[in-house]
Amino acid sequence: MSMRRPGEGQKLTREGFDRIGPFHPYVVWAAILLFDLLVVLGILAALTMAGDRIEDRLWPGGTEWVTI
């Protein structure tokens, strides 16, 4: 059984990274970062909506800070 050396038979970028499908690794990392930010935004929106509903039940009326 022969061991392959790193980069042997592979297309590497100038920075030495393996390509991820047809995409440069930076593009994939940016897509993952965008997805993570969207997930965090969704979680924060859900917490805000839940907090607003709880606040409306505890103290009805008054000024609405969150209008959804």
Protein backbone atom coordinates (compact mmCIF):
# COMPACT_ATOMS: atom_id res chain seq x y z
CA MET A 1 0.00 0.00 0.00
CA SER A 2 1.52 3.29 -1.06
CA MET A 3 1.01 6.55 0.73
CA ARG A 4 0.12 9.64 -1.26
CA ARG A 5 2.02 12.81 -0.63
CA PRO A 6 -0.03 15.93 0.10
CA GLY A 7 -1.07 17.61 -3.12
CA GLU A 8 -0.25 14.63 -5.30
CA GLY A 9 -2.94 14.24 -7.94
CA GLN A 10 -4.99 17.07 -6.44
CA LYS A 11 -5.64 20.59 -7.64
CA LEU A 12 -4.62 23.01 -4.90
CA THR A 13 -5.15 26.74 -4.75
CA ARG A 14 -2.25 29.17 -4.58
CA GLU A 15 -2.69 29.26 -0.81
CA GLY A 16 -2.33 25.47 -0.64
CA PHE A 17 -5.96 24.67 0.16
CA ASP A 18 -7.92 21.82 -1.39
CA ARG A 19 -10.75 22.95 -3.63
CA ILE A 20 -14.26 22.21 -2.41
CA GLY A 21 -16.09 21.01 -5.48
CA PRO A 22 -15.73 23.67 -8.16
CA PHE A 23 -15.46 26.43 -5.54
CA HIS A 24 -12.54 28.15 -3.88
CA PRO A 25 -12.45 27.48 -0.12
CA TYR A 26 -12.97 31.18 0.66
CA VAL A 27 -16.31 31.11 -1.22
CA VAL A 28 -17.46 28.07 0.76
CA TRP A 29 -16.31 29.59 4.06
CA ALA A 30 -18.20 32.80 3.22
CA ALA A 31 -21.35 30.79 2.44
CA ILE A 32 -21.05 28.91 5.74
CA LEU A 33 -20.52 32.19 7.61
CA LEU A 34 -23.60 33.70 5.91
CA PHE A 35 -25.66 30.63 6.82
CA ASP A 36 -24.48 30.81 10.44
CA LEU A 37 -25.38 34.50 10.62
CA LEU A 38 -28.84 33.77 9.23
CA VAL A 39 -29.34 31.06 11.86
CA VAL A 40 -28.28 33.43 14.64
CA LEU A 41 -30.58 36.12 13.22
CA GLY A 42 -33.46 33.65 13.17
CA ILE A 43 -32.82 32.63 16.78
CA LEU A 44 -32.67 36.27 17.88
CA ALA A 45 -35.89 37.06 16.01
CA ALA A 46 -37.64 34.11 17.67
CA LEU A 47 -36.44 35.24 21.12
CA THR A 48 -37.58 38.79 20.40
CA MET A 49 -41.02 37.62 19.30
CA ALA A 50 -41.35 35.35 22.35
CA GLY A 51 -40.24 38.14 24.68
CA ASP A 52 -42.72 40.54 23.08
CA ARG A 53 -45.59 38.12 23.55
CA ILE A 54 -44.64 37.49 27.18
CA GLU A 55 -44.35 41.24 27.80
CA ASP A 56 -47.78 41.83 26.22
CA ARG A 57 -49.35 39.27 28.55
CA LEU A 58 -47.65 40.59 31.68
CA TRP A 59 -48.11 44.31 30.99
CA PRO A 60 -50.81 44.85 28.36
CA GLY A 61 -51.06 48.24 26.68
CA GLY A 62 -48.34 50.84 26.72
CA THR A 63 -45.87 51.67 24.00
CA GLU A 64 -45.01 48.90 21.57
CA TRP A 65 -41.27 48.61 20.99
CA VAL A 66 -41.52 45.55 18.76
CA THR A 67 -44.14 45.72 16.01
CA ILE A 68 -44.27 42.48 14.08
